[in-house]
PDB file of N, CA and C in Angstrom:
ATOM      1  N   MET A   1     -13.975 -20.686  -4.595  1.00  0.00           N
ATOM      2  CA  MET A   1     -13.637 -19.645  -5.533  1.00  0.00           C
ATOM      3  C   MET A   1     -14.181 -20.043  -6.892  1.00  0.00           C
ATOM      4  N   HIS A   2     -14.562 -19.072  -7.630  1.00  0.00           N
ATOM      5  CA  HIS A   2     -15.170 -19.301  -8.938  1.00  0.00           C
ATOM      6  C   HIS A   2     -16.376 -20.232  -8.831  1.00  0.00           C
ATOM      7  N   GLN A   3     -17.129 -20.074  -7.757  1.00  0.00           N
ATOM      8  CA  GLN A   3     -18.351 -20.830  -7.489  1.00  0.00           C
ATOM      9  C   GLN A   3     -18.118 -22.330  -7.515  1.00  0.00           C
ATOM     10  N   ARG A   4     -17.017 -22.736  -6.963  1.00  0.00           N
ATOM     11  CA  ARG A   4     -16.649 -24.142  -6.886  1.00  0.00           C
ATOM     12  C   ARG A   4     -16.880 -24.625  -5.458  1.00  0.00           C
ATOM     13  N   PRO A   5     -17.516 -25.736  -5.270  1.00  0.00           N
ATOM     14  CA  PRO A   5     -17.723 -26.242  -3.902  1.00  0.00           C
ATOM     15  C   PRO A   5     -16.423 -26.823  -3.331  1.00  0.00           C
ATOM     16  N   PHE A   6     -16.233 -26.636  -2.052  1.00  0.00           N
ATOM     17  CA  PHE A   6     -15.081 -27.187  -1.358  1.00  0.00           C
ATOM     18  C   PHE A   6     -15.560 -28.291  -0.431  1.00  0.00           C
ATOM     19  N   PRO A   7     -14.777 -29.334  -0.296  1.00  0.00           N
ATOM     20  CA  PRO A   7     -15.210 -30.443   0.563  1.00  0.00           C
ATOM     21  C   PRO A   7     -15.303 -30.056   2.040  1.00  0.00           C
ATOM     22  N   THR A   8     -14.421 -29.145   2.487  1.00  0.00           N
ATOM     23  CA  THR A   8     -14.436 -28.722   3.887  1.00  0.00           C
ATOM     24  C   THR A   8     -14.171 -27.223   3.974  1.00  0.00           C
ATOM     25  N   MET A   9     -14.521 -26.657   5.104  1.00  0.00           N
ATOM     26  CA  MET A   9     -14.241 -25.240   5.335  1.00  0.00           C
ATOM     27  C   MET A   9     -12.725 -25.012   5.387  1.00  0.00           C
ATOM     28  N   ARG A  10     -12.023 -25.960   5.943  1.00  0.00           N
ATOM     29  CA  ARG A  10     -10.560 -25.839   6.011  1.00  0.00           C
ATOM     30  C   ARG A  10      -9.946 -25.753   4.620  1.00  0.00           C
ATOM     31  N   GLN A  11     -10.419 -26.583   3.704  1.00  0.00           N
ATOM     32  CA  GLN A  11      -9.911 -26.559   2.330  1.00  0.00           C
ATOM     33  C   GLN A  11     -10.243 -25.224   1.658  1.00  0.00           C
ATOM     34  N   ALA A  12     -11.418 -24.708   1.905  1.00  0.00           N
ATOM     35  CA  ALA A  12     -11.808 -23.417   1.338  1.00  0.00           C
ATOM     36  C   ALA A  12     -10.897 -22.308   1.854  1.00  0.00           C
ATOM     37  N   ARG A  13     -10.663 -22.286   3.152  1.00  0.00           N
ATOM     38  CA  ARG A  13      -9.793 -21.260   3.738  1.00  0.00           C
ATOM     39  C   ARG A  13      -8.377 -21.355   3.189  1.00  0.00           C
ATOM     40  N   LEU A  14      -7.868 -22.562   3.068  1.00  0.00           N
ATOM     41  CA  LEU A  14      -6.522 -22.758   2.551  1.00  0.00           C
ATOM     42  C   LEU A  14      -6.397 -22.220   1.127  1.00  0.00           C
ATOM     43  N   GLU A  15      -7.345 -22.548   0.290  1.00  0.00           N
ATOM     44  CA  GLU A  15      -7.262 -22.091  -1.103  1.00  0.00           C
ATOM     45  C   GLU A  15      -7.431 -20.583  -1.223  1.00  0.00           C
ATOM     46  N   VAL A  16      -8.292 -19.998  -0.407  1.00  0.00           N
ATOM     47  CA  VAL A  16      -8.452 -18.536  -0.420  1.00  0.00           C
ATOM     48  C   VAL A  16      -7.157 -17.880   0.054  1.00  0.00           C
ATOM     49  N   PHE A  17      -6.555 -18.399   1.114  1.00  0.00           N
ATOM     50  CA  PHE A  17      -5.292 -17.862   1.609  1.00  0.00           C
ATOM     51  C   PHE A  17      -4.204 -17.936   0.537  1.00  0.00           C
ATOM     52  N   GLN A  18      -4.108 -19.071  -0.140  1.00  0.00           N
ATOM     53  CA  GLN A  18      -3.095 -19.219  -1.187  1.00  0.00           C
ATOM     54  C   GLN A  18      -3.333 -18.231  -2.325  1.00  0.00           C
ATOM     55  N   TRP A  19      -4.582 -18.044  -2.703  1.00  0.00           N
ATOM     56  CA  TRP A  19      -4.891 -17.102  -3.784  1.00  0.00           C
ATOM     57  C   TRP A  19      -4.554 -15.670  -3.365  1.00  0.00           C
ATOM     58  N   LEU A  20      -4.905 -15.300  -2.131  1.00  0.00           N
ATOM     59  CA  LEU A  20      -4.606 -13.949  -1.656  1.00  0.00           C
ATOM     60  C   LEU A  20      -3.104 -13.700  -1.563  1.00  0.00           C
ATOM     61  N   THR A  21      -2.373 -14.706  -1.144  1.00  0.00           N
ATOM     62  CA  THR A  21      -0.919 -14.577  -1.078  1.00  0.00           C
ATOM     63  C   THR A  21      -0.357 -14.320  -2.470  1.00  0.00           C
ATOM     64  N   TYR A  22      -0.821 -15.082  -3.428  1.00  0.00           N
ATOM     65  CA  TYR A  22      -0.385 -14.860  -4.818  1.00  0.00           C
ATOM     66  C   TYR A  22      -0.788 -13.467  -5.288  1.00  0.00           C
ATOM     67  N   TYR A  23      -2.042 -13.119  -5.090  1.00  0.00           N
ATOM     68  CA  TYR A  23      -2.568 -11.865  -5.628  1.00  0.00           C
ATOM     69  C   TYR A  23      -1.864 -10.652  -5.026  1.00  0.00           C
ATOM     70  N   ASN A  24      -1.604 -10.693  -3.735  1.00  0.00           N
ATOM     71  CA  ASN A  24      -1.039  -9.520  -3.072  1.00  0.00           C
ATOM     72  C   ASN A  24       0.477  -9.463  -3.084  1.00  0.00           C
ATOM     73  N   ALA A  25       1.146 -10.578  -3.170  1.00  0.00           N
ATOM     74  CA  ALA A  25       2.600 -10.562  -3.044  1.00  0.00           C
ATOM     75  C   ALA A  25       3.350 -10.992  -4.296  1.00  0.00           C
ATOM     76  N   ARG A  26       2.787 -11.863  -5.057  1.00  0.00           N
ATOM     77  CA  ARG A  26       3.549 -12.426  -6.176  1.00  0.00           C
ATOM     78  C   ARG A  26       3.071 -11.967  -7.551  1.00  0.00           C
ATOM     79  N   ARG A  27       1.843 -11.503  -7.634  1.00  0.00           N
ATOM     80  CA  ARG A  27       1.293 -11.094  -8.927  1.00  0.00           C
ATOM     81  C   ARG A  27       2.047  -9.863  -9.434  1.00  0.00           C
ATOM     82  N   ARG A  28       2.313  -9.827 -10.691  1.00  0.00           N
ATOM     83  CA  ARG A  28       3.009  -8.685 -11.288  1.00  0.00           C
ATOM     84  C   ARG A  28       2.055  -7.502 -11.396  1.00  0.00           C
ATOM     85  N   HIS A  29       2.571  -6.316 -11.092  1.00  0.00           N
ATOM     86  CA  HIS A  29       1.769  -5.096 -11.107  1.00  0.00           C
ATOM     87  C   HIS A  29       2.306  -4.142 -12.162  1.00  0.00           C
ATOM     88  N   SER A  30       1.419  -3.593 -12.950  1.00  0.00           N
ATOM     89  CA  SER A  30       1.859  -2.651 -13.977  1.00  0.00           C
ATOM     90  C   SER A  30       2.474  -1.408 -13.351  1.00  0.00           C
ATOM     91  N   ALA A  31       1.999  -0.983 -12.191  1.00  0.00           N
ATOM     92  CA  ALA A  31       2.548   0.198 -11.523  1.00  0.00           C
ATOM     93  C   ALA A  31       3.985  -0.027 -11.049  1.00  0.00           C
ATOM     94  N   LEU A  32       4.392  -1.273 -10.943  1.00  0.00           N
ATOM     95  CA  LEU A  32       5.755  -1.610 -10.510  1.00  0.00           C
ATOM     96  C   LEU A  32       6.589  -2.103 -11.679  1.00  0.00           C
ATOM     97  N   LYS A  33       6.253  -1.624 -12.868  1.00  0.00           N
ATOM     98  CA  LYS A  33       6.948  -2.029 -14.101  1.00  0.00           C
ATOM     99  C   LYS A  33       6.888  -3.537 -14.298  1.00  0.00           C
ATOM    100  N   TYR A  34       5.726  -4.098 -14.004  1.00  0.00           N
ATOM    101  CA  TYR A  34       5.431  -5.520 -14.176  1.00  0.00           C
ATOM    102  C   TYR A  34       6.334  -6.437 -13.346  1.00  0.00           C
ATOM    103  N   LEU A  35       6.709  -5.948 -12.167  1.00  0.00           N
ATOM    104  CA  LEU A  35       7.400  -6.779 -11.193  1.00  0.00           C
ATOM    105  C   LEU A  35       6.408  -7.136 -10.104  1.00  0.00           C
ATOM    106  N   SER A  36       6.665  -8.233  -9.431  1.00  0.00           N
ATOM    107  CA  SER A  36       5.850  -8.558  -8.268  1.00  0.00           C
ATOM    108  C   SER A  36       6.292  -7.633  -7.134  1.00  0.00           C
ATOM    109  N   PRO A  37       5.435  -7.388  -6.148  1.00  0.00           N
ATOM    110  CA  PRO A  37       5.853  -6.558  -5.018  1.00  0.00           C
ATOM    111  C   PRO A  37       7.103  -7.106  -4.321  1.00  0.00           C
ATOM    112  N   VAL A  38       7.217  -8.417  -4.228  1.00  0.00           N
ATOM    113  CA  VAL A  38       8.383  -9.019  -3.584  1.00  0.00           C
ATOM    114  C   VAL A  38       9.649  -8.694  -4.377  1.00  0.00           C
ATOM    115  N   GLU A  39       9.606  -8.863  -5.685  1.00  0.00           N
ATOM    116  CA  GLU A  39      10.772  -8.579  -6.523  1.00  0.00           C
ATOM    117  C   GLU A  39      11.078  -7.081  -6.542  1.00  0.00           C
ATOM    118  N   PHE A  40      10.068  -6.245  -6.569  1.00  0.00           N
ATOM    119  CA  PHE A  40      10.267  -4.799  -6.543  1.00  0.00           C
ATOM    120  C   PHE A  40      11.005  -4.395  -5.269  1.00  0.00           C
ATOM    121  N   LYS A  41      10.578  -4.938  -4.140  1.00  0.00           N
ATOM    122  CA  LYS A  41      11.219  -4.632  -2.862  1.00  0.00           C
ATOM    123  C   LYS A  41      12.671  -5.106  -2.854  1.00  0.00           C
ATOM    124  N   ARG A  42      12.923  -6.287  -3.394  1.00  0.00           N
ATOM    125  CA  ARG A  42      14.301  -6.795  -3.475  1.00  0.00           C
ATOM    126  C   ARG A  42      15.182  -5.850  -4.281  1.00  0.00           C
ATOM    127  N   GLN A  43      14.669  -5.389  -5.415  1.00  0.00           N
ATOM    128  CA  GLN A  43      15.449  -4.485  -6.256  1.00  0.00           C
ATOM    129  C   GLN A  43      15.708  -3.159  -5.559  1.00  0.00           C
ATOM    130  N   GLN A  44      14.718  -2.648  -4.831  1.00  0.00           N
ATOM    131  CA  GLN A  44      14.900  -1.400  -4.090  1.00  0.00           C
ATOM    132  C   GLN A  44      15.974  -1.559  -3.019  1.00  0.00           C
ATOM    133  N   GLN A  45      15.933  -2.670  -2.291  1.00  0.00           N
ATOM    134  CA  GLN A  45      16.931  -2.916  -1.254  1.00  0.00           C
ATOM    135  C   GLN A  45      18.324  -3.087  -1.846  1.00  0.00           C
ATOM    136  N   ARG A  46      18.398  -3.782  -2.969  1.00  0.00           N
ATOM    137  CA  ARG A  46      19.679  -3.987  -3.649  1.00  0.00           C
ATOM    138  C   ARG A  46      20.251  -2.649  -4.106  1.00  0.00           C
ATOM    139  N   ALA A  47      19.400  -1.782  -4.649  1.00  0.00           N
ATOM    140  CA  ALA A  47      19.851  -0.474  -5.112  1.00  0.00           C
ATOM    141  C   ALA A  47      20.365   0.367  -3.939  1.00  0.00           C
ATOM    142  N   ARG A  48      19.676   0.319  -2.789  1.00  0.00           N
ATOM    143  CA  ARG A  48      20.124   1.058  -1.614  1.00  0.00           C
ATOM    144  C   ARG A  48      21.462   0.531  -1.116  1.00  0.00           C
ATOM    145  N   THR A  49      21.624  -0.785  -1.137  1.00  0.00           N
ATOM    146  CA  THR A  49      22.881  -1.381  -0.676  1.00  0.00           C
ATOM    147  C   THR A  49      24.030  -0.968  -1.586  1.00  0.00           C
ATOM    148  N   LEU A  50      23.802  -0.973  -2.888  1.00  0.00           N
ATOM    149  CA  LEU A  50      24.847  -0.574  -3.834  1.00  0.00           C
ATOM    150  C   LEU A  50      25.184   0.903  -3.688  1.00  0.00           C
ATOM    151  N   THR A  51      24.192   1.728  -3.423  1.00  0.00           N
ATOM    152  CA  THR A  51      24.417   3.168  -3.256  1.00  0.00           C
ATOM    153  C   THR A  51      25.284   3.423  -2.023  1.00  0.00           C
ATOM    154  N   ARG A  52      24.996   2.720  -0.935  1.00  0.00           N
ATOM    155  CA  ARG A  52      25.780   2.888   0.293  1.00  0.00           C
ATOM    156  C   ARG A  52      27.210   2.407   0.094  1.00  0.00           C
ATOM    157  N   ALA A  53      27.380   1.359  -0.693  1.00  0.00           N
ATOM    158  CA  ALA A  53      28.724   0.799  -0.895  1.00  0.00           C
ATOM    159  C   ALA A  53      29.580   1.706  -1.772  1.00  0.00           C
ATOM    160  N   ALA A  54      28.956   2.490  -2.609  1.00  0.00           N
ATOM    161  CA  ALA A  54      29.709   3.334  -3.546  1.00  0.00           C
ATOM    162  C   ALA A  54      30.259   4.575  -2.949  1.00  0.00           C
TER     163      ALA A  54
END
């Protein structure tokens, strides 16, 4: 990534996987009011649980 050489293909795959995991699941999104998708989903589930309890 960023035109950096990796010592092995395994190391390259690992770092790409870690970056994709961050980018797709943990990175904050402006469309989600600057929450990560994981946190947004947690808040949605929490809101549904509270609505059912009320």
